[in-house]
C-alpha atoms as a PDB file:
ATOM      1  CA  MET A   1      10.585 -12.376  24.821  1.00  0.00           C
ATOM      2  CA  ALA A   2      13.746 -10.447  24.819  1.00  0.00           C
ATOM      3  CA  ARG A   3      13.425  -9.693  21.042  1.00  0.00           C
ATOM      4  CA  HIS A   4      10.143  -7.716  21.963  1.00  0.00           C
ATOM      5  CA  VAL A   5      11.427  -6.047  25.178  1.00  0.00           C
ATOM      6  CA  ILE A   6      14.997  -5.012  24.080  1.00  0.00           C
ATOM      7  CA  PRO A   7      13.706  -2.679  21.272  1.00  0.00           C
ATOM      8  CA  GLU A   8      11.329  -1.009  23.710  1.00  0.00           C
ATOM      9  CA  VAL A   9      14.153  -0.408  26.070  1.00  0.00           C
ATOM     10  CA  ASN A  10      16.747   0.622  23.376  1.00  0.00           C
ATOM     11  CA  GLY A  11      14.311   2.802  21.563  1.00  0.00           C
ATOM     12  CA  PRO A  12      14.684   1.949  17.868  1.00  0.00           C
ATOM     13  CA  LEU A  13      11.063   1.618  17.569  1.00  0.00           C
ATOM     14  CA  ASN A  14      10.436   5.360  18.304  1.00  0.00           C
ATOM     15  CA  ASP A  15      11.425   6.258  14.714  1.00  0.00           C
ATOM     16  CA  TYR A  16       9.045   3.786  13.295  1.00  0.00           C
ATOM     17  CA  ARG A  17       6.294   5.181  15.590  1.00  0.00           C
ATOM     18  CA  GLU A  18       7.009   8.745  14.527  1.00  0.00           C
ATOM     19  CA  SER A  19       7.065   7.838  10.781  1.00  0.00           C
ATOM     20  CA  ARG A  20       3.658   6.011  11.168  1.00  0.00           C
ATOM     21  CA  GLU A  21       2.237   8.980  13.231  1.00  0.00           C
ATOM     22  CA  PHE A  22       3.358  11.446  10.402  1.00  0.00           C
ATOM     23  CA  VAL A  23       1.648   9.172   7.810  1.00  0.00           C
ATOM     24  CA  VAL A  24      -1.527   8.879   9.748  1.00  0.00           C
ATOM     25  CA  GLU A  25      -1.659  12.747  10.277  1.00  0.00           C
ATOM     26  CA  HIS A  26      -0.793  13.596   6.750  1.00  0.00           C
ATOM     27  CA  ARG A  27      -2.584  10.906   4.940  1.00  0.00           C
ATOM     28  CA  ASP A  28      -4.043  13.361   2.503  1.00  0.00           C
ATOM     29  CA  TYR A  29      -0.495  14.098   1.079  1.00  0.00           C
ATOM     30  CA  PHE A  30      -0.128  10.563   0.211  1.00  0.00           C
ATOM     31  CA  GLU A  31      -3.602  10.115  -1.159  1.00  0.00           C
ATOM     32  CA  ARG A  32      -3.265  13.305  -3.435  1.00  0.00           C
ATOM     33  CA  ALA A  33       0.240  11.946  -4.660  1.00  0.00           C
ATOM     34  CA  GLY A  34      -1.484   8.528  -5.418  1.00  0.00           C
ATOM     35  CA  GLN A  35      -4.070  10.304  -7.347  1.00  0.00           C
ATOM     36  CA  ALA A  36      -1.493  12.349  -9.315  1.00  0.00           C
ATOM     37  CA  ILE A  37       0.276   9.169 -10.172  1.00  0.00           C
ATOM     38  CA  MET A  38      -2.931   7.354 -11.501  1.00  0.00           C
ATOM     39  CA  SER A  39      -3.895  10.522 -13.389  1.00  0.00           C
ATOM     40  CA  LYS A  40      -0.574  10.674 -15.244  1.00  0.00           C
ATOM     41  CA  THR A  41      -0.571   6.800 -15.814  1.00  0.00           C
ATOM     42  CA  MET A  42      -4.193   7.089 -17.201  1.00  0.00           C
ATOM     43  CA  GLU A  43      -3.012   9.536 -19.960  1.00  0.00           C
ATOM     44  CA  ASN A  44      -0.875   6.799 -21.487  1.00  0.00           C
ATOM     45  CA  ASP A  45      -2.766   4.223 -23.501  1.00  0.00           C
ATOM     46  CA  ARG A  46      -0.253   1.506 -22.890  1.00  0.00           C
ATOM     47  CA  ALA A  47      -0.345   1.955 -19.177  1.00  0.00           C
ATOM     48  CA  LYS A  48      -4.075   1.925 -19.127  1.00  0.00           C
ATOM     49  CA  ALA A  49      -4.046  -1.274 -21.073  1.00  0.00           C
ATOM     50  CA  THR A  50      -1.502  -2.844 -18.594  1.00  0.00           C
ATOM     51  CA  LEU A  51      -3.669  -1.891 -15.643  1.00  0.00           C
ATOM     52  CA  LYS A  52      -6.598  -3.923 -17.171  1.00  0.00           C
ATOM     53  CA  GLU A  53      -4.643  -6.937 -18.199  1.00  0.00           C
ATOM     54  CA  GLU A  54      -4.974  -8.778 -14.822  1.00  0.00           C
ATOM     55  CA  ALA A  55      -6.087 -12.213 -15.507  1.00  0.00           C
ATOM     56  CA  ASN A  56      -8.558 -12.419 -12.658  1.00  0.00           C
ATOM     57  CA  GLY A  57     -10.186  -9.121 -13.478  1.00  0.00           C
ATOM     58  CA  ALA A  58      -8.776  -7.435 -10.367  1.00  0.00           C
ATOM     59  CA  PRO A  59      -6.804  -4.178 -10.881  1.00  0.00           C
ATOM     60  CA  ALA A  60      -3.123  -4.537 -11.391  1.00  0.00           C
ATOM     61  CA  ILE A  61      -2.299  -1.826  -8.850  1.00  0.00           C
ATOM     62  CA  HIS A  62      -4.287  -2.238  -5.643  1.00  0.00           C
ATOM     63  CA  PRO A  63      -5.061   0.878  -3.617  1.00  0.00           C
ATOM     64  CA  HIS A  64      -3.554   1.139  -0.203  1.00  0.00           C
ATOM     65  CA  SER A  65      -6.453   2.511   1.939  1.00  0.00           C
ATOM     66  CA  SER A  66      -7.750   1.753   5.441  1.00  0.00           C
ATOM     67  CA  HIS A  67     -11.181   2.326   3.801  1.00  0.00           C
ATOM     68  CA  LEU A  68     -11.069  -0.939   1.996  1.00  0.00           C
ATOM     69  CA  PRO A  69     -11.997  -4.277   3.240  1.00  0.00           C
ATOM     70  CA  GLU A  70      -9.112  -6.505   4.456  1.00  0.00           C
ATOM     71  CA  ALA A  71      -8.138  -9.345   2.150  1.00  0.00           C
ATOM     72  CA  ASP A  72      -9.804 -12.712   2.959  1.00  0.00           C
ATOM     73  CA  PRO A  73      -6.936 -14.722   4.469  1.00  0.00           C
ATOM     74  CA  ALA A  74      -8.539 -17.939   3.372  1.00  0.00           C
ATOM     75  CA  GLN A  75      -7.847 -16.834  -0.376  1.00  0.00           C
ATOM     76  CA  PRO A  76      -4.487 -17.566  -1.763  1.00  0.00           C
ATOM     77  CA  VAL A  77      -2.329 -14.490  -2.606  1.00  0.00           C
ATOM     78  CA  PRO A  78      -1.628 -14.020  -6.419  1.00  0.00           C
ATOM     79  CA  SER A  79       1.915 -13.880  -7.534  1.00  0.00           C
ATOM     80  CA  ALA A  80       3.199 -11.137  -9.765  1.00  0.00           C
ATOM     81  CA  GLY A  81       2.813 -13.257 -12.802  1.00  0.00           C
ATOM     82  CA  GLU A  82      -0.864 -14.003 -12.322  1.00  0.00           C
END
């Protein structure tokens, strides 16, 4: 129990909370950055081919968005080599 209480008392979680709040409030910055990265990546034929090479047909780079459904916990997590 102390491992949960002591951080609250000592305050090191405040920085994490502030960081999370910034990300939540400024999500558009991160989405635009992701779009810019993907746009630049798609200009390169080798990078496009790499993104499409996933064996299971899923994209190689998964988007990080709260708008997507959660992963099914019953399904195994693929390793980087799959």
